[in-house]
Amino acid sequence: MFFIRLFICLILLSSAFTAQSAVILQYHHVSDKTPPSTSISPQLFDQHLEHIEQQGFSVWPLPKLVQHLQQGSTIPDKVVSITFDDAYESVYRSAFPALKKRNMPFTIFVATQAIKKNNQLFMTWDQLKEVTQFGATIANHTHTHLHLVRKQEGETNEDWRARLREDILRAEKIIDQNIPNTSKLLAYPYGEYTQEVQSLSQELGYVSFGQQSGAVGNAHDLTALPRFPMTNRFGAMKQFKLKLASLPLHASKVIPNQKIVRQPSISKGLRFEFDRKYAGISCFFEGDAVSIKQEENSIIVQQELTLPVGRSRINCTAPSSEKGRYYWYSHAWIRPKANGEWYKE
């Protein structure tokens, strides 16, 4: 009898862990004719939606998911939210019909300067208004799609914060003028942020999103929620199925906690502290396995990590008690050129 009760308790505990999480997907272009680094084909995108349906996932509007995270409310298992950055015209032409057919809500993060210029690569305000009638949320992606972490030459910290604030609030004003009563959601351009950027986001009342991969849970910081970037490369069906089924792995502390790294490497000894010990955890950097040592609820990287110029990340995963489901954590770095100058996109 004791073992039966223990087994039931373990099952309930496992359900409790999985019922406090969701996955947020991030797309840019849905096209075969746009840059591969930010594109997914319409055919593969449709396969994503078919799999979401077939596996019984609930597609939640992003504001609903955020509200549950803010309130610490229970999130049922198998919840996903769908987002698009930049409001490219291919989202309207290719993604919107597929989502509309399935009654799936979604969010478009809009960099308002491009829309204002009537650039043919982007959706129009009329199109953005139209999609809101079919479950879309329009949210802030700044006005000029600037690199939030980059200071201009000679710019003081106060001037930099003021410039960021003005850009974010300008986008907010333009969105509100065209589509009133939108949610206070912000996607960081290029997924780049620092603690100072997070602080400004919070000060302005935003819940904000990066492009570091991983599922979201109640323990996550609402100024830097993870999303899984989806492209032909990173959204291939085998990978997509794993990512869609993933569970949150939250690092309560990273030592040293750097986002911008000016030296060419991260020294041996990088430490991630989690909420508990995760058996079988493994980490990968730029596609290669990383040597780690586990100490209680922490892992310590046992090798130097050579950072390329640009953005890079380390991903850590651990198997859960459910077959085919993994806890997933990602930490991103940004490295300028050796001379201190910023690279071009």
C-alpha atoms as a PDB file:
ATOM      1  CA  MET A   1       0.000   0.000   0.000  1.00  0.00           C
ATOM      2  CA  PHE A   2       2.829   2.386   0.874  1.00  0.00           C
ATOM      3  CA  PHE A   3       4.458   1.924  -2.513  1.00  0.00           C
ATOM      4  CA  ILE A   4       1.144   2.446  -4.320  1.00  0.00           C
ATOM      5  CA  ARG A   5       0.639   5.736  -2.485  1.00  0.00           C
ATOM      6  CA  LEU A   6       4.228   6.741  -3.207  1.00  0.00           C
ATOM      7  CA  PHE A   7       3.738   5.973  -6.886  1.00  0.00           C
ATOM      8  CA  ILE A   8       0.554   8.074  -7.005  1.00  0.00           C
ATOM      9  CA  CYS A   9       2.344  10.958  -5.273  1.00  0.00           C
ATOM     10  CA  LEU A  10       5.171  10.815  -7.792  1.00  0.00           C
ATOM     11  CA  ILE A  11       2.696  10.874 -10.677  1.00  0.00           C
ATOM     12  CA  LEU A  12       0.919  13.885  -9.183  1.00  0.00           C
ATOM     13  CA  LEU A  13       4.235  15.632  -8.578  1.00  0.00           C
ATOM     14  CA  SER A  14       5.288  15.010 -12.166  1.00  0.00           C
ATOM     15  CA  SER A  15       1.973  16.444 -13.387  1.00  0.00           C
ATOM     16  CA  ALA A  16       2.460  19.507 -11.213  1.00  0.00           C
ATOM     17  CA  PHE A  17       5.843  20.197 -12.813  1.00  0.00           C
ATOM     18  CA  THR A  18       4.513  19.859 -16.368  1.00  0.00           C
ATOM     19  CA  ALA A  19       1.337  21.864 -15.652  1.00  0.00           C
ATOM     20  CA  GLN A  20       3.255  25.055 -14.873  1.00  0.00           C
ATOM     21  CA  SER A  21       4.835  25.569 -18.258  1.00  0.00           C
ATOM     22  CA  ALA A  22       4.222  26.484 -21.871  1.00  0.00           C
ATOM     23  CA  VAL A  23       6.188  26.960 -25.073  1.00  0.00           C
ATOM     24  CA  ILE A  24       6.385  30.173 -27.098  1.00  0.00           C
ATOM     25  CA  LEU A  25       7.337  29.836 -30.770  1.00  0.00           C
ATOM     26  CA  GLN A  26       9.006  32.685 -32.639  1.00  0.00           C
ATOM     27  CA  TYR A  27       8.917  33.125 -36.421  1.00  0.00           C
ATOM     28  CA  HIS A  28      10.041  35.872 -38.802  1.00  0.00           C
ATOM     29  CA  HIS A  29       9.528  35.238 -42.538  1.00  0.00           C
ATOM     30  CA  VAL A  30       7.244  32.456 -43.760  1.00  0.00           C
ATOM     31  CA  SER A  31       8.658  32.202 -47.254  1.00  0.00           C
ATOM     32  CA  ASP A  32      11.038  30.303 -49.543  1.00  0.00           C
ATOM     33  CA  LYS A  33      12.471  33.544 -50.955  1.00  0.00           C
ATOM     34  CA  THR A  34      13.758  35.364 -47.876  1.00  0.00           C
ATOM     35  CA  PRO A  35      17.017  35.084 -45.859  1.00  0.00           C
ATOM     36  CA  PRO A  36      17.475  31.503 -44.567  1.00  0.00           C
ATOM     37  CA  SER A  37      18.616  32.674 -41.127  1.00  0.00           C
ATOM     38  CA  THR A  38      15.149  34.065 -40.376  1.00  0.00           C
ATOM     39  CA  SER A  39      12.887  32.079 -42.692  1.00  0.00           C
ATOM     40  CA  ILE A  40      10.696  29.019 -42.600  1.00  0.00           C
ATOM     41  CA  SER A  41       8.980  27.620 -45.680  1.00  0.00           C
ATOM     42  CA  PRO A  42       5.167  27.799 -45.836  1.00  0.00           C
ATOM     43  CA  GLN A  43       5.135  24.014 -46.159  1.00  0.00           C
ATOM     44  CA  LEU A  44       7.142  23.439 -42.972  1.00  0.00           C
ATOM     45  CA  PHE A  45       5.129  26.079 -41.114  1.00  0.00           C
ATOM     46  CA  ASP A  46       1.945  24.227 -42.068  1.00  0.00           C
ATOM     47  CA  GLN A  47       3.480  20.985 -40.770  1.00  0.00           C
ATOM     48  CA  HIS A  48       4.131  22.737 -37.451  1.00  0.00           C
ATOM     49  CA  LEU A  49       0.475  23.710 -37.160  1.00  0.00           C
ATOM     50  CA  GLU A  50      -0.677  20.219 -38.143  1.00  0.00           C
ATOM     51  CA  HIS A  51       1.524  18.668 -35.452  1.00  0.00           C
ATOM     52  CA  ILE A  52       0.241  21.126 -32.842  1.00  0.00           C
ATOM     53  CA  GLU A  53      -3.314  20.081 -33.717  1.00  0.00           C
ATOM     54  CA  GLN A  54      -2.618  16.360 -33.907  1.00  0.00           C
ATOM     55  CA  GLN A  55      -0.843  16.290 -30.537  1.00  0.00           C
ATOM     56  CA  GLY A  56      -3.694  18.055 -28.777  1.00  0.00           C
ATOM     57  CA  PHE A  57      -1.904  21.294 -27.899  1.00  0.00           C
ATOM     58  CA  SER A  58      -3.939  24.338 -26.885  1.00  0.00           C
ATOM     59  CA  VAL A  59      -2.851  27.493 -28.699  1.00  0.00           C
ATOM     60  CA  TRP A  60      -3.220  30.398 -26.286  1.00  0.00           C
ATOM     61  CA  PRO A  61      -3.129  34.102 -27.101  1.00  0.00           C
ATOM     62  CA  LEU A  62       0.122  35.448 -25.704  1.00  0.00           C
ATOM     63  CA  PRO A  63      -1.659  37.941 -23.379  1.00  0.00           C
ATOM     64  CA  LYS A  64      -3.546  35.036 -21.781  1.00  0.00           C
ATOM     65  CA  LEU A  65      -0.337  33.108 -21.171  1.00  0.00           C
ATOM     66  CA  VAL A  66       1.350  36.201 -19.745  1.00  0.00           C
ATOM     67  CA  GLN A  67      -1.572  36.802 -17.398  1.00  0.00           C
ATOM     68  CA  HIS A  68      -1.249  33.257 -16.041  1.00  0.00           C
ATOM     69  CA  LEU A  69       2.485  33.751 -15.515  1.00  0.00           C
ATOM     70  CA  GLN A  70       1.926  37.079 -13.770  1.00  0.00           C
ATOM     71  CA  GLN A  71      -0.689  35.638 -11.439  1.00  0.00           C
ATOM     72  CA  GLY A  72       1.069  32.334 -10.855  1.00  0.00           C
ATOM     73  CA  SER A  73      -2.031  30.548 -12.152  1.00  0.00           C
ATOM     74  CA  THR A  74      -1.982  26.926 -13.206  1.00  0.00           C
ATOM     75  CA  ILE A  75      -1.148  26.431 -16.864  1.00  0.00           C
ATOM     76  CA  PRO A  76      -2.507  23.162 -18.292  1.00  0.00           C
ATOM     77  CA  ASP A  77      -0.109  20.788 -19.983  1.00  0.00           C
ATOM     78  CA  LYS A  78       0.446  21.228 -23.715  1.00  0.00           C
ATOM     79  CA  VAL A  79       0.009  24.991 -24.078  1.00  0.00           C
ATOM     80  CA  VAL A  80       1.760  26.889 -26.864  1.00  0.00           C
ATOM     81  CA  SER A  81       1.735  30.515 -28.050  1.00  0.00           C
ATOM     82  CA  ILE A  82       2.727  31.568 -31.566  1.00  0.00           C
ATOM     83  CA  THR A  83       4.594  34.819 -32.275  1.00  0.00           C
ATOM     84  CA  PHE A  84       6.030  36.629 -35.291  1.00  0.00           C
ATOM     85  CA  ASP A  85       8.673  39.359 -35.174  1.00  0.00           C
ATOM     86  CA  ASP A  86       8.767  42.312 -37.614  1.00  0.00           C
ATOM     87  CA  ALA A  87       5.353  41.915 -39.347  1.00  0.00           C
ATOM     88  CA  TYR A  88       6.767  40.741 -42.666  1.00  0.00           C
ATOM     89  CA  GLU A  89       4.286  40.567 -45.538  1.00  0.00           C
ATOM     90  CA  SER A  90       4.797  36.805 -45.814  1.00  0.00           C
ATOM     91  CA  VAL A  91       3.127  36.454 -42.415  1.00  0.00           C
ATOM     92  CA  TYR A  92      -0.044  37.941 -43.893  1.00  0.00           C
ATOM     93  CA  ARG A  93       0.273  36.121 -47.210  1.00  0.00           C
ATOM     94  CA  SER A  94       1.338  32.647 -46.012  1.00  0.00           C
ATOM     95  CA  ALA A  95       0.981  32.248 -42.238  1.00  0.00           C
ATOM     96  CA  PHE A  96      -2.274  34.098 -41.596  1.00  0.00           C
ATOM     97  CA  PRO A  97      -4.454  31.906 -43.878  1.00  0.00           C
ATOM     98  CA  ALA A  98      -3.087  28.729 -42.251  1.00  0.00           C
ATOM     99  CA  LEU A  99      -3.699  30.086 -38.743  1.00  0.00           C
ATOM    100  CA  LYS A 100      -7.119  31.496 -39.612  1.00  0.00           C
ATOM    101  CA  LYS A 101      -8.217  28.138 -41.029  1.00  0.00           C
ATOM    102  CA  ARG A 102      -7.406  26.491 -37.696  1.00  0.00           C
ATOM    103  CA  ASN A 103      -8.707  29.326 -35.482  1.00  0.00           C
ATOM    104  CA  MET A 104      -5.268  29.674 -33.892  1.00  0.00           C
ATOM    105  CA  PRO A 105      -4.455  32.984 -32.160  1.00  0.00           C
ATOM    106  CA  PHE A 106      -1.051  34.577 -32.631  1.00  0.00           C
ATOM    107  CA  THR A 107       0.967  37.699 -31.838  1.00  0.00           C
ATOM    108  CA  ILE A 108       2.816  39.998 -34.235  1.00  0.00           C
ATOM    109  CA  PHE A 109       5.575  42.179 -32.779  1.00  0.00           C
ATOM    110  CA  VAL A 110       5.714  45.326 -34.913  1.00  0.00           C
ATOM    111  CA  ALA A 111       8.664  47.685 -35.485  1.00  0.00           C
ATOM    112  CA  THR A 112       6.530  50.677 -36.393  1.00  0.00           C
ATOM    113  CA  GLN A 113       8.966  52.702 -38.522  1.00  0.00           C
ATOM    114  CA  ALA A 114       8.923  50.085 -41.301  1.00  0.00           C
ATOM    115  CA  ILE A 115       5.111  49.989 -41.314  1.00  0.00           C
ATOM    116  CA  LYS A 116       4.914  53.780 -41.381  1.00  0.00           C
ATOM    117  CA  LYS A 117       7.133  53.909 -44.475  1.00  0.00           C
ATOM    118  CA  ASN A 118       4.739  51.575 -46.351  1.00  0.00           C
ATOM    119  CA  ASN A 119       7.637  49.240 -47.133  1.00  0.00           C
ATOM    120  CA  GLN A 120       6.391  46.409 -49.357  1.00  0.00           C
ATOM    121  CA  LEU A 121       8.366  43.844 -47.329  1.00  0.00           C
ATOM    122  CA  PHE A 122       6.082  44.494 -44.369  1.00  0.00           C
ATOM    123  CA  MET A 123       2.396  44.331 -43.574  1.00  0.00           C
ATOM    124  CA  THR A 124       0.255  47.462 -43.755  1.00  0.00           C
ATOM    125  CA  TRP A 125      -1.794  48.876 -40.901  1.00  0.00           C
ATOM    126  CA  ASP A 126      -4.958  47.765 -42.713  1.00  0.00           C
ATOM    127  CA  GLN A 127      -3.635  44.210 -42.798  1.00  0.00           C
ATOM    128  CA  LEU A 128      -2.610  44.383 -39.143  1.00  0.00           C
ATOM    129  CA  LYS A 129      -6.102  45.598 -38.237  1.00  0.00           C
ATOM    130  CA  GLU A 130      -7.612  42.773 -40.271  1.00  0.00           C
ATOM    131  CA  VAL A 131      -5.688  40.010 -38.512  1.00  0.00           C
ATOM    132  CA  THR A 132      -6.787  41.308 -35.098  1.00  0.00           C
ATOM    133  CA  GLN A 133     -10.335  40.360 -36.104  1.00  0.00           C
ATOM    134  CA  PHE A 134      -9.176  36.737 -36.283  1.00  0.00           C
ATOM    135  CA  GLY A 135      -7.339  36.324 -32.998  1.00  0.00           C
ATOM    136  CA  ALA A 136      -4.125  38.276 -33.530  1.00  0.00           C
ATOM    137  CA  THR A 137      -2.463  40.500 -30.942  1.00  0.00           C
ATOM    138  CA  ILE A 138      -0.300  43.399 -32.138  1.00  0.00           C
ATOM    139  CA  ALA A 139       2.627  44.186 -29.828  1.00  0.00           C
ATOM    140  CA  ASN A 140       5.733  46.362 -29.521  1.00  0.00           C
ATOM    141  CA  HIS A 141       9.036  45.609 -31.286  1.00  0.00           C
ATOM    142  CA  THR A 142      10.373  49.183 -30.870  1.00  0.00           C
ATOM    143  CA  HIS A 143      10.047  51.921 -33.499  1.00  0.00           C
ATOM    144  CA  THR A 144      13.366  51.640 -35.355  1.00  0.00           C
ATOM    145  CA  HIS A 145      14.249  47.995 -34.598  1.00  0.00           C
ATOM    146  CA  LEU A 146      17.417  49.204 -32.897  1.00  0.00           C
ATOM    147  CA  HIS A 147      20.079  47.215 -31.070  1.00  0.00           C
ATOM    148  CA  LEU A 148      18.988  47.995 -27.518  1.00  0.00           C
ATOM    149  CA  VAL A 149      22.327  46.962 -26.001  1.00  0.00           C
ATOM    150  CA  ARG A 150      24.486  49.262 -28.150  1.00  0.00           C
ATOM    151  CA  LYS A 151      25.488  52.712 -26.973  1.00  0.00           C
ATOM    152  CA  GLN A 152      26.380  55.345 -29.529  1.00  0.00           C
ATOM    153  CA  GLU A 153      29.822  56.947 -29.519  1.00  0.00           C
ATOM    154  CA  GLY A 154      30.101  59.446 -26.680  1.00  0.00           C
ATOM    155  CA  GLU A 155      26.649  58.581 -25.354  1.00  0.00           C
ATOM    156  CA  THR A 156      26.201  58.650 -21.577  1.00  0.00           C
ATOM    157  CA  ASN A 157      24.252  55.957 -19.780  1.00  0.00           C
ATOM    158  CA  GLU A 158      21.453  58.456 -19.133  1.00  0.00           C
ATOM    159  CA  ASP A 159      21.317  59.497 -22.799  1.00  0.00           C
ATOM    160  CA  TRP A 160      21.282  55.863 -23.895  1.00  0.00           C
ATOM    161  CA  ARG A 161      18.367  55.021 -21.589  1.00  0.00           C
ATOM    162  CA  ALA A 162      16.494  58.106 -22.771  1.00  0.00           C
ATOM    163  CA  ARG A 163      16.993  57.104 -26.424  1.00  0.00           C
ATOM    164  CA  LEU A 164      15.724  53.579 -25.771  1.00  0.00           C
ATOM    165  CA  ARG A 165      12.777  54.871 -23.794  1.00  0.00           C
ATOM    166  CA  GLU A 166      11.807  57.285 -26.573  1.00  0.00           C
ATOM    167  CA  ASP A 167      12.034  54.572 -29.237  1.00  0.00           C
ATOM    168  CA  ILE A 168       9.910  52.082 -27.290  1.00  0.00           C
ATOM    169  CA  LEU A 169       7.299  54.658 -26.290  1.00  0.00           C
ATOM    170  CA  ARG A 170       7.122  56.042 -29.827  1.00  0.00           C
ATOM    171  CA  ALA A 171       6.255  52.574 -31.104  1.00  0.00           C
ATOM    172  CA  GLU A 172       3.695  52.198 -28.321  1.00  0.00           C
ATOM    173  CA  LYS A 173       2.031  55.477 -29.308  1.00  0.00           C
ATOM    174  CA  ILE A 174       1.885  54.592 -33.017  1.00  0.00           C
ATOM    175  CA  ILE A 175       0.444  51.150 -32.309  1.00  0.00           C
ATOM    176  CA  ASP A 176      -2.185  52.611 -29.973  1.00  0.00           C
ATOM    177  CA  GLN A 177      -3.161  55.194 -32.599  1.00  0.00           C
ATOM    178  CA  ASN A 178      -3.829  52.438 -35.130  1.00  0.00           C
ATOM    179  CA  ILE A 179      -4.920  49.535 -32.929  1.00  0.00           C
ATOM    180  CA  PRO A 180      -6.129  50.712 -29.500  1.00  0.00           C
ATOM    181  CA  ASN A 181      -6.076  48.636 -26.316  1.00  0.00           C
ATOM    182  CA  THR A 182      -3.056  46.515 -27.197  1.00  0.00           C
ATOM    183  CA  SER A 183      -1.164  44.569 -24.549  1.00  0.00           C
ATOM    184  CA  LYS A 184       2.073  45.798 -22.948  1.00  0.00           C
ATOM    185  CA  LEU A 185       4.259  43.159 -24.578  1.00  0.00           C
ATOM    186  CA  LEU A 186       7.730  43.885 -25.974  1.00  0.00           C
ATOM    187  CA  ALA A 187      10.001  41.676 -28.082  1.00  0.00           C
ATOM    188  CA  TYR A 188      13.641  42.755 -27.935  1.00  0.00           C
ATOM    189  CA  PRO A 189      15.012  43.279 -31.481  1.00  0.00           C
ATOM    190  CA  TYR A 190      17.522  40.536 -32.322  1.00  0.00           C
ATOM    191  CA  GLY A 191      16.678  39.018 -28.920  1.00  0.00           C
ATOM    192  CA  GLU A 192      19.351  41.251 -27.361  1.00  0.00           C
ATOM    193  CA  TYR A 193      19.090  42.558 -23.818  1.00  0.00           C
ATOM    194  CA  THR A 194      21.108  43.287 -20.693  1.00  0.00           C
ATOM    195  CA  GLN A 195      20.083  43.776 -17.078  1.00  0.00           C
ATOM    196  CA  GLU A 196      19.843  47.520 -17.765  1.00  0.00           C
ATOM    197  CA  VAL A 197      17.495  46.893 -20.705  1.00  0.00           C
ATOM    198  CA  GLN A 198      15.403  44.560 -18.554  1.00  0.00           C
ATOM    199  CA  SER A 199      15.196  47.239 -15.877  1.00  0.00           C
ATOM    200  CA  LEU A 200      13.956  49.804 -18.403  1.00  0.00           C
ATOM    201  CA  SER A 201      11.408  47.331 -19.756  1.00  0.00           C
ATOM    202  CA  GLN A 202      10.042  46.782 -16.257  1.00  0.00           C
ATOM    203  CA  GLU A 203      10.026  50.521 -15.568  1.00  0.00           C
ATOM    204  CA  LEU A 204       7.881  51.048 -18.677  1.00  0.00           C
ATOM    205  CA  GLY A 205       5.461  48.325 -17.569  1.00  0.00           C
ATOM    206  CA  TYR A 206       6.306  45.736 -20.207  1.00  0.00           C
ATOM    207  CA  VAL A 207       6.488  41.971 -20.195  1.00  0.00           C
ATOM    208  CA  SER A 208       9.366  41.277 -22.568  1.00  0.00           C
ATOM    209  CA  PHE A 209      10.693  38.453 -24.710  1.00  0.00           C
ATOM    210  CA  GLY A 210      14.099  37.415 -26.003  1.00  0.00           C
ATOM    211  CA  GLN A 211      15.168  34.826 -28.554  1.00  0.00           C
ATOM    212  CA  GLN A 212      16.938  32.457 -26.168  1.00  0.00           C
ATOM    213  CA  SER A 213      15.364  29.022 -26.423  1.00  0.00           C
ATOM    214  CA  GLY A 214      13.426  27.183 -23.751  1.00  0.00           C
ATOM    215  CA  ALA A 215       9.947  26.698 -22.329  1.00  0.00           C
ATOM    216  CA  VAL A 216       8.453  29.295 -19.977  1.00  0.00           C
ATOM    217  CA  GLY A 217       7.362  28.701 -16.394  1.00  0.00           C
ATOM    218  CA  ASN A 218       6.255  30.608 -13.314  1.00  0.00           C
ATOM    219  CA  ALA A 219       9.860  31.007 -12.133  1.00  0.00           C
ATOM    220  CA  HIS A 220      10.945  32.947 -15.209  1.00  0.00           C
ATOM    221  CA  ASP A 221      11.744  36.653 -15.164  1.00  0.00           C
ATOM    222  CA  LEU A 222       8.944  38.484 -16.981  1.00  0.00           C
ATOM    223  CA  THR A 223      11.454  40.907 -18.525  1.00  0.00           C
ATOM    224  CA  ALA A 224      13.254  38.154 -20.474  1.00  0.00           C
ATOM    225  CA  LEU A 225      10.919  35.291 -21.334  1.00  0.00           C
ATOM    226  CA  PRO A 226      12.388  32.661 -23.678  1.00  0.00           C
ATOM    227  CA  ARG A 227      11.038  31.716 -27.093  1.00  0.00           C
ATOM    228  CA  PHE A 228      12.077  29.034 -29.546  1.00  0.00           C
ATOM    229  CA  PRO A 229      13.266  30.647 -32.820  1.00  0.00           C
ATOM    230  CA  MET A 230      11.818  28.730 -35.761  1.00  0.00           C
ATOM    231  CA  THR A 231      13.538  28.529 -39.145  1.00  0.00           C
ATOM    232  CA  ASN A 232      14.000  25.766 -41.701  1.00  0.00           C
ATOM    233  CA  ARG A 233      17.183  24.803 -39.851  1.00  0.00           C
ATOM    234  CA  PHE A 234      15.996  25.064 -36.256  1.00  0.00           C
ATOM    235  CA  GLY A 235      12.383  24.153 -36.950  1.00  0.00           C
ATOM    236  CA  ALA A 236      12.878  20.860 -38.810  1.00  0.00           C
ATOM    237  CA  MET A 237      10.176  18.469 -37.633  1.00  0.00           C
ATOM    238  CA  LYS A 238      12.397  16.255 -35.478  1.00  0.00           C
ATOM    239  CA  GLN A 239      13.688  19.309 -33.589  1.00  0.00           C
ATOM    240  CA  PHE A 240      10.283  20.964 -33.552  1.00  0.00           C
ATOM    241  CA  LYS A 241       8.634  18.016 -31.820  1.00  0.00           C
ATOM    242  CA  LEU A 242      11.258  18.058 -29.052  1.00  0.00           C
ATOM    243  CA  LYS A 243      11.027  21.817 -28.576  1.00  0.00           C
ATOM    244  CA  LEU A 244       7.238  21.856 -28.540  1.00  0.00           C
ATOM    245  CA  ALA A 245       7.226  19.203 -25.807  1.00  0.00           C
ATOM    246  CA  SER A 246       9.978  20.846 -23.743  1.00  0.00           C
ATOM    247  CA  LEU A 247       9.745  21.890 -20.089  1.00  0.00           C
ATOM    248  CA  PRO A 248      11.280  24.937 -18.367  1.00  0.00           C
ATOM    249  CA  LEU A 249      14.749  24.701 -16.869  1.00  0.00           C
ATOM    250  CA  HIS A 250      15.284  27.958 -15.011  1.00  0.00           C
ATOM    251  CA  ALA A 251      18.694  29.149 -13.837  1.00  0.00           C
ATOM    252  CA  SER A 252      18.267  31.162 -10.642  1.00  0.00           C
ATOM    253  CA  LYS A 253      21.873  32.335 -10.861  1.00  0.00           C
ATOM    254  CA  VAL A 254      24.588  32.506 -13.541  1.00  0.00           C
ATOM    255  CA  ILE A 255      28.182  33.183 -12.447  1.00  0.00           C
ATOM    256  CA  PRO A 256      29.560  35.268 -14.111  1.00  0.00           C
ATOM    257  CA  ASN A 257      26.287  36.683 -15.420  1.00  0.00           C
ATOM    258  CA  GLN A 258      27.391  38.445 -18.597  1.00  0.00           C
ATOM    259  CA  LYS A 259      25.418  39.252 -21.713  1.00  0.00           C
ATOM    260  CA  ILE A 260      27.973  41.400 -23.534  1.00  0.00           C
ATOM    261  CA  VAL A 261      31.402  39.743 -23.579  1.00  0.00           C
ATOM    262  CA  ARG A 262      34.340  41.719 -24.954  1.00  0.00           C
ATOM    263  CA  GLN A 263      37.013  39.064 -24.448  1.00  0.00           C
ATOM    264  CA  PRO A 264      37.291  36.209 -26.987  1.00  0.00           C
ATOM    265  CA  SER A 265      36.232  33.470 -24.589  1.00  0.00           C
ATOM    266  CA  ILE A 266      34.406  32.493 -21.407  1.00  0.00           C
ATOM    267  CA  SER A 267      36.831  30.990 -18.903  1.00  0.00           C
ATOM    268  CA  LYS A 268      36.460  27.538 -17.397  1.00  0.00           C
ATOM    269  CA  GLY A 269      34.297  27.623 -14.273  1.00  0.00           C
ATOM    270  CA  LEU A 270      31.095  29.156 -15.641  1.00  0.00           C
ATOM    271  CA  ARG A 271      28.359  28.144 -13.180  1.00  0.00           C
ATOM    272  CA  PHE A 272      24.609  27.749 -13.578  1.00  0.00           C
ATOM    273  CA  GLU A 273      22.465  27.284 -10.465  1.00  0.00           C
ATOM    274  CA  PHE A 274      19.049  25.680 -10.909  1.00  0.00           C
ATOM    275  CA  ASP A 275      16.078  25.194  -8.577  1.00  0.00           C
ATOM    276  CA  ARG A 276      16.993  21.544  -7.979  1.00  0.00           C
ATOM    277  CA  LYS A 277      19.258  18.782  -9.201  1.00  0.00           C
ATOM    278  CA  TYR A 278      18.483  17.484 -12.696  1.00  0.00           C
ATOM    279  CA  ALA A 279      19.750  13.998 -13.456  1.00  0.00           C
ATOM    280  CA  GLY A 280      21.320  13.441 -16.849  1.00  0.00           C
ATOM    281  CA  ILE A 281      21.767  17.107 -17.671  1.00  0.00           C
ATOM    282  CA  SER A 282      23.972  17.901 -20.668  1.00  0.00           C
ATOM    283  CA  CYS A 283      25.026  21.137 -22.364  1.00  0.00           C
ATOM    284  CA  PHE A 284      25.916  22.142 -25.902  1.00  0.00           C
ATOM    285  CA  PHE A 285      27.696  25.201 -27.289  1.00  0.00           C
ATOM    286  CA  GLU A 286      27.579  26.005 -31.000  1.00  0.00           C
ATOM    287  CA  GLY A 287      26.403  22.442 -31.618  1.00  0.00           C
ATOM    288  CA  ASP A 288      29.200  20.703 -29.673  1.00  0.00           C
ATOM    289  CA  ALA A 289      28.892  18.902 -26.334  1.00  0.00           C
ATOM    290  CA  VAL A 290      30.333  20.811 -23.374  1.00  0.00           C
ATOM    291  CA  SER A 291      32.219  19.207 -20.480  1.00  0.00           C
ATOM    292  CA  ILE A 292      30.372  19.931 -17.223  1.00  0.00           C
ATOM    293  CA  LYS A 293      30.542  18.916 -13.566  1.00  0.00           C
ATOM    294  CA  GLN A 294      27.408  18.671 -11.461  1.00  0.00           C
ATOM    295  CA  GLU A 295      27.351  19.805  -7.827  1.00  0.00           C
ATOM    296  CA  GLU A 296      23.970  19.496  -6.098  1.00  0.00           C
ATOM    297  CA  ASN A 297      21.681  21.902  -7.980  1.00  0.00           C
ATOM    298  CA  SER A 298      24.516  23.519  -9.970  1.00  0.00           C
ATOM    299  CA  ILE A 299      26.537  22.684 -13.043  1.00  0.00           C
ATOM    300  CA  ILE A 300      30.040  24.024 -13.663  1.00  0.00           C
ATOM    301  CA  VAL A 301      31.474  24.224 -17.172  1.00  0.00           C
ATOM    302  CA  GLN A 302      34.826  22.433 -17.252  1.00  0.00           C
ATOM    303  CA  GLN A 303      36.235  24.020 -20.380  1.00  0.00           C
ATOM    304  CA  GLU A 304      36.856  27.390 -21.975  1.00  0.00           C
ATOM    305  CA  LEU A 305      34.205  28.510 -24.453  1.00  0.00           C
ATOM    306  CA  THR A 306      35.530  30.417 -27.469  1.00  0.00           C
ATOM    307  CA  LEU A 307      32.938  32.980 -28.505  1.00  0.00           C
ATOM    308  CA  PRO A 308      32.504  34.043 -32.125  1.00  0.00           C
ATOM    309  CA  VAL A 309      31.840  37.697 -32.916  1.00  0.00           C
ATOM    310  CA  GLY A 310      28.086  38.163 -32.796  1.00  0.00           C
ATOM    311  CA  ARG A 311      25.480  36.222 -30.854  1.00  0.00           C
ATOM    312  CA  SER A 312      26.037  32.741 -29.444  1.00  0.00           C
ATOM    313  CA  ARG A 313      24.424  30.586 -26.793  1.00  0.00           C
ATOM    314  CA  ILE A 314      24.837  27.558 -24.602  1.00  0.00           C
ATOM    315  CA  ASN A 315      21.883  25.159 -24.385  1.00  0.00           C
ATOM    316  CA  CYS A 316      21.383  22.725 -21.513  1.00  0.00           C
ATOM    317  CA  THR A 317      18.804  19.938 -21.446  1.00  0.00           C
ATOM    318  CA  ALA A 318      17.816  17.221 -19.004  1.00  0.00           C
ATOM    319  CA  PRO A 319      15.416  14.304 -19.506  1.00  0.00           C
ATOM    320  CA  SER A 320      12.138  14.426 -17.586  1.00  0.00           C
ATOM    321  CA  SER A 321      10.144  11.499 -16.223  1.00  0.00           C
ATOM    322  CA  GLU A 322       7.996  11.634 -19.373  1.00  0.00           C
ATOM    323  CA  LYS A 323       9.348   9.910 -22.443  1.00  0.00           C
ATOM    324  CA  GLY A 324      10.450  12.355 -25.129  1.00  0.00           C
ATOM    325  CA  ARG A 325      10.203  15.450 -22.908  1.00  0.00           C
ATOM    326  CA  TYR A 326      13.251  17.432 -21.845  1.00  0.00           C
ATOM    327  CA  TYR A 327      13.881  20.351 -19.536  1.00  0.00           C
ATOM    328  CA  TRP A 328      15.531  23.085 -21.610  1.00  0.00           C
ATOM    329  CA  TYR A 329      17.645  26.123 -20.712  1.00  0.00           C
ATOM    330  CA  SER A 330      19.546  28.591 -22.888  1.00  0.00           C
ATOM    331  CA  HIS A 331      21.968  31.402 -22.054  1.00  0.00           C
ATOM    332  CA  ALA A 332      23.018  33.871 -24.755  1.00  0.00           C
ATOM    333  CA  TRP A 333      26.095  36.060 -25.197  1.00  0.00           C
ATOM    334  CA  ILE A 334      26.825  39.006 -27.477  1.00  0.00           C
ATOM    335  CA  ARG A 335      30.410  39.713 -28.523  1.00  0.00           C
ATOM    336  CA  PRO A 336      31.548  42.829 -30.434  1.00  0.00           C
ATOM    337  CA  LYS A 337      34.631  42.877 -32.665  1.00  0.00           C
ATOM    338  CA  ALA A 338      38.101  42.746 -31.090  1.00  0.00           C
ATOM    339  CA  ASN A 339      38.522  46.500 -31.665  1.00  0.00           C
ATOM    340  CA  GLY A 340      35.319  47.169 -29.739  1.00  0.00           C
ATOM    341  CA  GLU A 341      33.244  48.032 -32.790  1.00  0.00           C
ATOM    342  CA  TRP A 342      29.884  46.417 -33.337  1.00  0.00           C
ATOM    343  CA  TYR A 343      29.389  43.956 -36.179  1.00  0.00           C
ATOM    344  CA  LYS A 344      26.860  44.539 -38.938  1.00  0.00           C
ATOM    345  CA  GLU A 345      23.792  42.340 -39.227  1.00  0.00           C
END
